N, C-alpha and C. Protein backbone atom coordinates (compact mmCIF):
# COMPACT_ATOMS: atom_id res chain seq x y z
N MET A 1 -75.34 -12.81 -38.46
CA MET A 1 -76.75 -12.55 -38.38
C MET A 1 -77.19 -11.54 -37.36
N ARG A 2 -77.87 -10.60 -37.62
CA ARG A 2 -78.57 -9.85 -36.68
C ARG A 2 -79.68 -10.44 -35.94
N LYS A 3 -79.74 -10.39 -34.65
CA LYS A 3 -80.80 -10.99 -33.83
C LYS A 3 -81.89 -9.72 -33.63
N PHE A 4 -82.99 -10.08 -33.95
CA PHE A 4 -84.15 -9.27 -33.59
C PHE A 4 -84.37 -9.08 -32.30
N ILE A 5 -84.69 -7.71 -31.93
CA ILE A 5 -84.77 -7.51 -30.74
C ILE A 5 -86.23 -6.75 -30.67
N PRO A 6 -87.56 -7.17 -30.16
CA PRO A 6 -88.75 -6.58 -30.47
C PRO A 6 -88.96 -5.49 -29.24
N VAL A 7 -89.48 -4.42 -29.49
CA VAL A 7 -89.77 -3.33 -28.63
C VAL A 7 -90.87 -3.90 -27.69
N ALA A 8 -91.79 -4.58 -28.24
CA ALA A 8 -93.03 -5.04 -27.46
C ALA A 8 -93.52 -6.32 -28.01
N GLU A 9 -93.83 -7.22 -27.43
CA GLU A 9 -94.34 -8.68 -27.53
C GLU A 9 -95.46 -8.88 -26.99
N PRO A 10 -96.56 -9.39 -27.69
CA PRO A 10 -97.56 -9.93 -26.83
C PRO A 10 -97.44 -10.98 -25.95
N TRP A 11 -98.20 -11.22 -25.04
CA TRP A 11 -98.15 -12.36 -24.19
C TRP A 11 -99.70 -12.68 -24.33
N LEU A 12 -99.78 -13.85 -24.73
CA LEU A 12 -101.29 -14.60 -24.63
C LEU A 12 -101.09 -15.79 -23.86
N GLY A 13 -102.24 -15.90 -22.78
CA GLY A 13 -102.11 -17.23 -22.10
C GLY A 13 -103.41 -18.13 -22.23
N GLU A 14 -103.61 -19.17 -21.79
CA GLU A 14 -104.37 -20.22 -21.90
C GLU A 14 -106.00 -19.32 -21.85
N LYS A 15 -106.16 -18.45 -21.18
CA LYS A 15 -107.67 -17.76 -20.99
C LYS A 15 -107.98 -17.00 -22.12
N GLU A 16 -106.85 -16.21 -22.68
CA GLU A 16 -106.97 -15.41 -23.86
C GLU A 16 -107.27 -16.50 -25.02
N LEU A 17 -106.58 -17.47 -25.26
CA LEU A 17 -106.78 -18.32 -26.20
C LEU A 17 -108.40 -19.11 -26.00
N GLU A 18 -108.84 -19.19 -24.94
CA GLU A 18 -110.19 -19.74 -24.76
C GLU A 18 -111.24 -18.72 -25.05
N TYR A 19 -110.78 -17.27 -24.80
CA TYR A 19 -111.97 -16.23 -25.13
C TYR A 19 -111.87 -16.04 -26.47
N VAL A 20 -110.73 -15.92 -27.14
CA VAL A 20 -110.57 -15.95 -28.75
C VAL A 20 -111.47 -17.04 -29.39
N THR A 21 -111.25 -18.31 -29.21
CA THR A 21 -111.71 -19.40 -29.78
C THR A 21 -113.18 -19.40 -29.54
N ASN A 22 -113.60 -18.98 -28.20
CA ASN A 22 -115.09 -18.88 -28.06
C ASN A 22 -115.72 -17.89 -28.91
N CYS A 23 -115.17 -16.67 -29.12
CA CYS A 23 -115.82 -15.76 -30.18
C CYS A 23 -115.72 -16.10 -31.34
N ILE A 24 -114.89 -16.88 -31.87
CA ILE A 24 -114.86 -17.42 -33.48
C ILE A 24 -115.93 -18.53 -33.62
N ARG A 25 -115.76 -19.28 -32.50
CA ARG A 25 -116.82 -20.60 -32.49
C ARG A 25 -118.37 -19.96 -32.59
N THR A 26 -118.67 -19.03 -31.87
CA THR A 26 -120.04 -18.41 -31.79
C THR A 26 -120.13 -17.36 -32.68
N ASN A 27 -119.36 -16.95 -33.53
CA ASN A 27 -119.55 -15.96 -34.45
C ASN A 27 -119.72 -14.70 -33.67
N TRP A 28 -119.34 -14.37 -32.57
CA TRP A 28 -119.36 -13.38 -31.81
C TRP A 28 -117.87 -12.54 -31.87
N ILE A 29 -117.66 -12.05 -33.25
CA ILE A 29 -116.28 -11.37 -33.47
C ILE A 29 -116.44 -10.13 -33.78
N SER A 30 -117.61 -9.38 -33.52
CA SER A 30 -117.94 -7.95 -33.66
C SER A 30 -118.12 -7.09 -32.52
N SER A 31 -118.58 -5.98 -32.56
CA SER A 31 -119.03 -5.35 -31.30
C SER A 31 -120.09 -5.53 -30.85
N MET A 32 -120.94 -6.49 -31.29
CA MET A 32 -122.05 -7.02 -30.66
C MET A 32 -122.02 -8.12 -29.69
N GLY A 33 -120.49 -8.75 -29.63
CA GLY A 33 -120.32 -10.00 -28.64
C GLY A 33 -120.50 -9.55 -26.97
N GLN A 34 -120.64 -10.68 -26.44
CA GLN A 34 -120.61 -10.37 -24.82
C GLN A 34 -119.31 -9.78 -24.45
N TYR A 35 -118.16 -9.98 -25.16
CA TYR A 35 -116.93 -9.80 -24.21
C TYR A 35 -116.82 -8.33 -24.37
N ILE A 36 -117.23 -7.77 -25.53
CA ILE A 36 -117.07 -6.17 -25.71
C ILE A 36 -117.86 -5.46 -24.28
N ALA A 37 -118.97 -5.75 -24.33
CA ALA A 37 -119.99 -5.32 -23.20
C ALA A 37 -119.30 -5.70 -21.71
N GLN A 38 -118.88 -6.80 -21.53
CA GLN A 38 -118.00 -7.19 -20.51
C GLN A 38 -116.71 -6.30 -20.13
N PHE A 39 -115.91 -6.33 -21.30
CA PHE A 39 -114.63 -5.34 -21.24
C PHE A 39 -115.18 -3.91 -20.73
N GLU A 40 -115.91 -3.31 -21.60
CA GLU A 40 -116.53 -1.95 -21.07
C GLU A 40 -116.89 -1.67 -19.75
N GLU A 41 -117.81 -2.59 -19.21
CA GLU A 41 -118.26 -2.76 -17.93
C GLU A 41 -117.04 -2.75 -16.94
N GLY A 42 -116.17 -3.63 -16.92
CA GLY A 42 -115.03 -3.81 -16.17
C GLY A 42 -114.04 -2.87 -16.07
N PHE A 43 -113.97 -2.30 -17.39
CA PHE A 43 -112.78 -1.23 -17.52
C PHE A 43 -113.43 0.14 -16.97
N SER A 44 -114.87 0.47 -17.05
CA SER A 44 -115.20 1.53 -16.35
C SER A 44 -115.24 1.45 -14.90
N GLY A 45 -115.54 0.49 -14.29
CA GLY A 45 -115.32 0.20 -13.07
C GLY A 45 -113.73 0.60 -12.48
N PHE A 46 -112.81 -0.12 -13.35
CA PHE A 46 -111.56 -0.23 -12.86
C PHE A 46 -111.08 1.46 -12.83
N CYS A 47 -111.78 2.22 -13.93
CA CYS A 47 -111.26 3.57 -14.03
C CYS A 47 -112.49 4.52 -12.94
N GLY A 48 -113.44 4.07 -12.59
CA GLY A 48 -114.18 4.72 -11.61
C GLY A 48 -114.94 5.59 -12.45
N THR A 49 -115.31 5.44 -13.68
CA THR A 49 -116.21 6.16 -14.33
C THR A 49 -117.44 5.37 -14.73
N LYS A 50 -118.41 6.41 -15.31
CA LYS A 50 -119.69 5.67 -15.67
C LYS A 50 -119.85 4.95 -16.79
N TYR A 51 -119.02 5.22 -17.95
CA TYR A 51 -118.89 4.78 -19.20
C TYR A 51 -117.56 4.33 -19.39
N ALA A 52 -117.34 3.40 -20.54
CA ALA A 52 -116.01 2.99 -21.10
C ALA A 52 -116.30 2.67 -22.53
N ILE A 53 -115.62 2.94 -23.49
CA ILE A 53 -115.83 2.62 -24.74
C ILE A 53 -114.58 1.88 -25.34
N ALA A 54 -114.97 0.43 -25.78
CA ALA A 54 -113.79 -0.06 -26.52
C ALA A 54 -113.83 0.41 -27.97
N THR A 55 -112.40 0.27 -28.53
CA THR A 55 -112.14 0.96 -29.76
C THR A 55 -111.39 -0.46 -30.29
N CYS A 56 -111.41 -0.21 -31.69
CA CYS A 56 -110.51 -1.28 -32.47
C CYS A 56 -109.11 -1.19 -32.02
N ASN A 57 -108.66 -0.08 -32.08
CA ASN A 57 -107.28 0.03 -31.84
C ASN A 57 -106.91 1.38 -31.20
N GLY A 58 -105.51 1.76 -30.67
CA GLY A 58 -105.48 2.82 -30.06
C GLY A 58 -105.35 4.38 -30.85
N THR A 59 -105.28 4.18 -32.18
CA THR A 59 -105.37 5.20 -33.09
C THR A 59 -106.70 5.86 -32.80
N VAL A 60 -107.60 5.01 -33.11
CA VAL A 60 -109.23 5.44 -32.87
C VAL A 60 -109.70 6.02 -31.73
N ALA A 61 -109.02 5.17 -30.49
CA ALA A 61 -109.00 5.84 -29.35
C ALA A 61 -108.68 7.12 -28.97
N LEU A 62 -107.62 7.48 -29.55
CA LEU A 62 -106.98 9.03 -29.58
C LEU A 62 -107.86 9.75 -30.26
N HIS A 63 -107.95 9.44 -31.47
CA HIS A 63 -109.01 10.32 -32.50
C HIS A 63 -110.07 10.60 -31.66
N LEU A 64 -110.74 9.69 -31.38
CA LEU A 64 -112.16 9.94 -30.39
C LEU A 64 -111.83 10.82 -29.28
N ALA A 65 -111.01 10.56 -28.47
CA ALA A 65 -110.67 11.55 -27.07
C ALA A 65 -110.44 12.97 -27.80
N LEU A 66 -109.55 13.18 -28.61
CA LEU A 66 -109.62 14.53 -29.32
C LEU A 66 -110.83 15.15 -29.70
N GLU A 67 -111.51 14.13 -30.72
CA GLU A 67 -113.08 14.88 -31.02
C GLU A 67 -113.78 15.43 -29.78
N VAL A 68 -113.83 14.57 -28.76
CA VAL A 68 -114.45 14.88 -27.51
C VAL A 68 -114.23 16.09 -26.94
N LEU A 69 -112.93 16.30 -27.01
CA LEU A 69 -112.38 17.63 -26.37
C LEU A 69 -112.67 18.55 -27.45
N GLY A 70 -113.10 18.38 -28.73
CA GLY A 70 -113.14 19.67 -29.45
C GLY A 70 -112.05 19.94 -30.22
N ILE A 71 -111.07 19.27 -30.17
CA ILE A 71 -109.90 19.55 -30.89
C ILE A 71 -110.14 19.70 -32.38
N GLY A 72 -109.74 20.72 -33.19
CA GLY A 72 -110.13 20.75 -34.87
C GLY A 72 -109.07 21.74 -35.45
N PRO A 73 -109.13 22.09 -36.74
CA PRO A 73 -108.71 22.80 -37.29
C PRO A 73 -108.10 24.33 -36.93
N GLY A 74 -107.18 24.26 -36.77
CA GLY A 74 -106.40 25.64 -36.29
C GLY A 74 -105.91 25.34 -34.92
N ASP A 75 -106.15 24.04 -34.27
CA ASP A 75 -105.56 23.89 -32.86
C ASP A 75 -104.11 23.22 -33.17
N GLU A 76 -103.61 23.29 -32.17
CA GLU A 76 -102.12 22.59 -32.02
C GLU A 76 -102.18 21.68 -30.81
N VAL A 77 -101.65 20.44 -30.90
CA VAL A 77 -101.61 19.50 -29.94
C VAL A 77 -99.96 19.07 -29.80
N ILE A 78 -99.47 19.23 -28.61
CA ILE A 78 -98.14 18.77 -28.42
C ILE A 78 -98.06 17.26 -27.99
N VAL A 79 -97.16 16.74 -29.00
CA VAL A 79 -96.96 15.53 -28.75
C VAL A 79 -95.29 15.06 -28.88
N PRO A 80 -94.90 13.92 -28.39
CA PRO A 80 -93.46 13.51 -28.24
C PRO A 80 -93.01 13.21 -29.79
N THR A 81 -91.58 13.29 -29.85
CA THR A 81 -91.06 12.93 -30.96
C THR A 81 -90.87 11.35 -30.92
N LEU A 82 -90.75 10.68 -29.87
CA LEU A 82 -90.38 9.31 -29.77
C LEU A 82 -91.82 8.81 -29.32
N THR A 83 -92.57 8.08 -30.42
CA THR A 83 -94.10 7.61 -30.18
C THR A 83 -94.28 6.74 -31.36
N PHE A 84 -95.22 6.03 -31.28
CA PHE A 84 -96.05 5.44 -32.35
C PHE A 84 -96.64 6.48 -33.14
N ALA A 85 -96.68 6.41 -34.43
CA ALA A 85 -97.14 7.17 -35.23
C ALA A 85 -98.54 7.75 -35.27
N SER A 86 -99.25 6.79 -34.44
CA SER A 86 -100.82 7.07 -34.38
C SER A 86 -101.02 8.43 -33.56
N THR A 87 -100.09 8.74 -32.77
CA THR A 87 -100.40 9.85 -31.85
C THR A 87 -100.31 10.97 -32.80
N ALA A 88 -99.47 11.30 -33.38
CA ALA A 88 -99.66 12.28 -34.68
C ALA A 88 -100.55 12.41 -35.62
N PHE A 89 -100.88 11.13 -36.05
CA PHE A 89 -102.08 10.87 -37.08
C PHE A 89 -103.51 11.40 -36.25
N ALA A 90 -103.60 10.72 -35.17
CA ALA A 90 -104.95 11.09 -34.36
C ALA A 90 -105.16 12.41 -34.41
N VAL A 91 -104.32 13.39 -34.22
CA VAL A 91 -104.12 14.63 -34.23
C VAL A 91 -104.64 15.29 -35.46
N SER A 92 -103.78 14.60 -36.53
CA SER A 92 -104.08 15.17 -37.89
C SER A 92 -105.39 15.07 -38.18
N TYR A 93 -105.88 13.73 -37.98
CA TYR A 93 -107.23 13.20 -38.41
C TYR A 93 -108.58 14.50 -37.78
N THR A 94 -108.07 15.13 -37.06
CA THR A 94 -108.92 16.30 -36.61
C THR A 94 -108.94 17.30 -37.27
N GLY A 95 -107.88 17.67 -38.11
CA GLY A 95 -107.65 18.85 -38.64
C GLY A 95 -106.59 19.73 -37.90
N ALA A 96 -106.26 19.10 -36.62
CA ALA A 96 -105.56 19.85 -35.82
C ALA A 96 -104.26 19.61 -36.36
N SER A 97 -103.00 20.65 -35.73
CA SER A 97 -101.55 20.44 -36.09
C SER A 97 -100.68 19.75 -34.92
N PRO A 98 -100.15 18.55 -35.24
CA PRO A 98 -99.17 17.96 -33.94
C PRO A 98 -98.14 19.20 -33.86
N VAL A 99 -97.67 19.18 -32.62
CA VAL A 99 -96.32 20.05 -32.50
C VAL A 99 -95.42 19.14 -31.70
N PHE A 100 -94.21 18.84 -32.05
CA PHE A 100 -93.43 17.95 -31.59
C PHE A 100 -92.44 18.47 -30.71
N VAL A 101 -92.41 17.53 -29.40
CA VAL A 101 -91.31 18.13 -28.40
C VAL A 101 -90.25 17.11 -28.30
N ASP A 102 -88.96 17.38 -28.43
CA ASP A 102 -87.97 16.24 -28.35
C ASP A 102 -87.80 15.43 -26.99
N SER A 103 -87.49 14.31 -27.18
CA SER A 103 -87.20 13.33 -25.99
C SER A 103 -86.09 13.74 -25.25
N GLU A 104 -86.06 13.42 -24.03
CA GLU A 104 -84.99 13.57 -23.05
C GLU A 104 -84.24 12.03 -22.93
N PRO A 105 -83.05 12.11 -22.90
CA PRO A 105 -82.07 10.83 -23.00
C PRO A 105 -82.33 9.60 -21.94
N THR A 106 -82.97 10.19 -20.84
CA THR A 106 -82.75 9.15 -19.98
C THR A 106 -84.23 8.10 -19.98
N THR A 107 -85.35 8.90 -19.98
CA THR A 107 -86.60 8.03 -20.22
C THR A 107 -87.26 7.81 -21.65
N TRP A 108 -86.64 8.67 -22.41
CA TRP A 108 -87.00 8.76 -24.05
C TRP A 108 -88.26 9.30 -24.17
N ASN A 109 -88.89 9.86 -22.92
CA ASN A 109 -90.07 10.69 -23.04
C ASN A 109 -89.93 12.30 -23.29
N MET A 110 -91.03 12.87 -23.48
CA MET A 110 -90.80 14.36 -23.80
C MET A 110 -90.07 14.93 -22.68
N ASP A 111 -89.39 15.91 -23.05
CA ASP A 111 -88.27 16.57 -22.17
C ASP A 111 -89.27 17.87 -21.89
N PRO A 112 -89.34 17.59 -20.49
CA PRO A 112 -90.29 18.64 -19.70
C PRO A 112 -89.59 20.22 -19.86
N SER A 113 -88.62 20.15 -20.26
CA SER A 113 -87.73 21.43 -20.24
C SER A 113 -88.09 22.23 -21.37
N LYS A 114 -88.61 21.40 -22.34
CA LYS A 114 -88.85 21.85 -23.83
C LYS A 114 -90.25 22.03 -24.08
N ILE A 115 -91.13 21.90 -23.35
CA ILE A 115 -92.65 21.75 -23.76
C ILE A 115 -92.96 23.35 -23.67
N GLU A 116 -92.62 24.14 -22.64
CA GLU A 116 -93.08 25.59 -22.43
C GLU A 116 -92.78 26.23 -23.74
N GLU A 117 -91.85 26.07 -24.24
CA GLU A 117 -91.30 26.79 -25.55
C GLU A 117 -92.26 26.51 -26.77
N LYS A 118 -92.80 25.33 -26.61
CA LYS A 118 -93.63 25.07 -27.88
C LYS A 118 -95.18 25.59 -27.64
N ILE A 119 -95.64 25.93 -26.31
CA ILE A 119 -97.10 26.32 -26.28
C ILE A 119 -97.16 27.77 -26.86
N THR A 120 -98.29 27.75 -27.75
CA THR A 120 -98.81 28.90 -28.24
C THR A 120 -100.38 29.10 -28.10
N PRO A 121 -100.77 30.21 -28.33
CA PRO A 121 -102.35 30.64 -28.16
C PRO A 121 -103.15 29.42 -28.71
N GLN A 122 -102.49 28.85 -29.75
CA GLN A 122 -103.37 27.80 -30.49
C GLN A 122 -103.18 26.50 -29.81
N THR A 123 -102.42 26.28 -28.83
CA THR A 123 -102.27 24.92 -28.11
C THR A 123 -103.45 24.59 -27.37
N LYS A 124 -104.17 23.50 -27.78
CA LYS A 124 -105.38 22.88 -27.08
C LYS A 124 -105.09 21.69 -26.20
N ALA A 125 -104.11 20.93 -26.32
CA ALA A 125 -103.81 19.97 -25.49
C ALA A 125 -102.44 19.32 -25.65
N MET A 126 -102.19 18.30 -24.80
CA MET A 126 -100.76 17.69 -25.09
C MET A 126 -100.94 16.36 -24.64
N ILE A 127 -100.42 15.31 -25.69
CA ILE A 127 -100.55 14.01 -25.38
C ILE A 127 -99.17 13.43 -24.94
N PRO A 128 -99.08 13.25 -23.72
CA PRO A 128 -97.78 12.60 -23.09
C PRO A 128 -97.75 11.12 -23.24
N VAL A 129 -97.09 10.48 -23.99
CA VAL A 129 -96.89 9.29 -23.98
C VAL A 129 -95.47 8.56 -23.25
N HIS A 130 -95.81 7.67 -22.37
CA HIS A 130 -94.55 7.16 -21.71
C HIS A 130 -94.39 5.64 -22.46
N LEU A 131 -93.07 5.54 -22.44
CA LEU A 131 -92.57 4.40 -23.07
C LEU A 131 -91.74 3.57 -21.97
N TYR A 132 -91.58 2.36 -22.37
CA TYR A 132 -90.61 1.35 -21.75
C TYR A 132 -91.00 1.56 -20.21
N GLY A 133 -92.13 1.63 -19.68
CA GLY A 133 -92.17 1.39 -18.21
C GLY A 133 -91.73 2.91 -17.43
N HIS A 134 -91.64 3.81 -18.49
CA HIS A 134 -91.06 5.28 -17.67
C HIS A 134 -92.12 5.98 -17.61
N PRO A 135 -93.18 6.45 -16.82
CA PRO A 135 -94.20 7.29 -16.83
C PRO A 135 -93.88 8.79 -16.75
């Protein structure tokens, strides 16, 4: 029998259980609940920005960021080959094309030596994704 080794495993403590239970019991499990506003305020403070927007998942967050940057049809966005599918999906949702850069074997991140050859006049952004604690 093969043992499953998860890439990432959530860790939820008592405080998280308390918050989730409170949301369910008070019917505040949507964007109108107190926790969303508290999170956005705390996160904007942490980042040193005036605003922060909570999204339902990382795909939406990436898509929103690309839209704000004006990325769209005819544009290219450089992305790593080893990442969650959402990285390329978010680019595609804007009408732009993901351009994949291979990973380097030590950190599994984008190989910096292979990025320059992928840059074209249509390149408008790059989404570097760091994996497994390797920034």
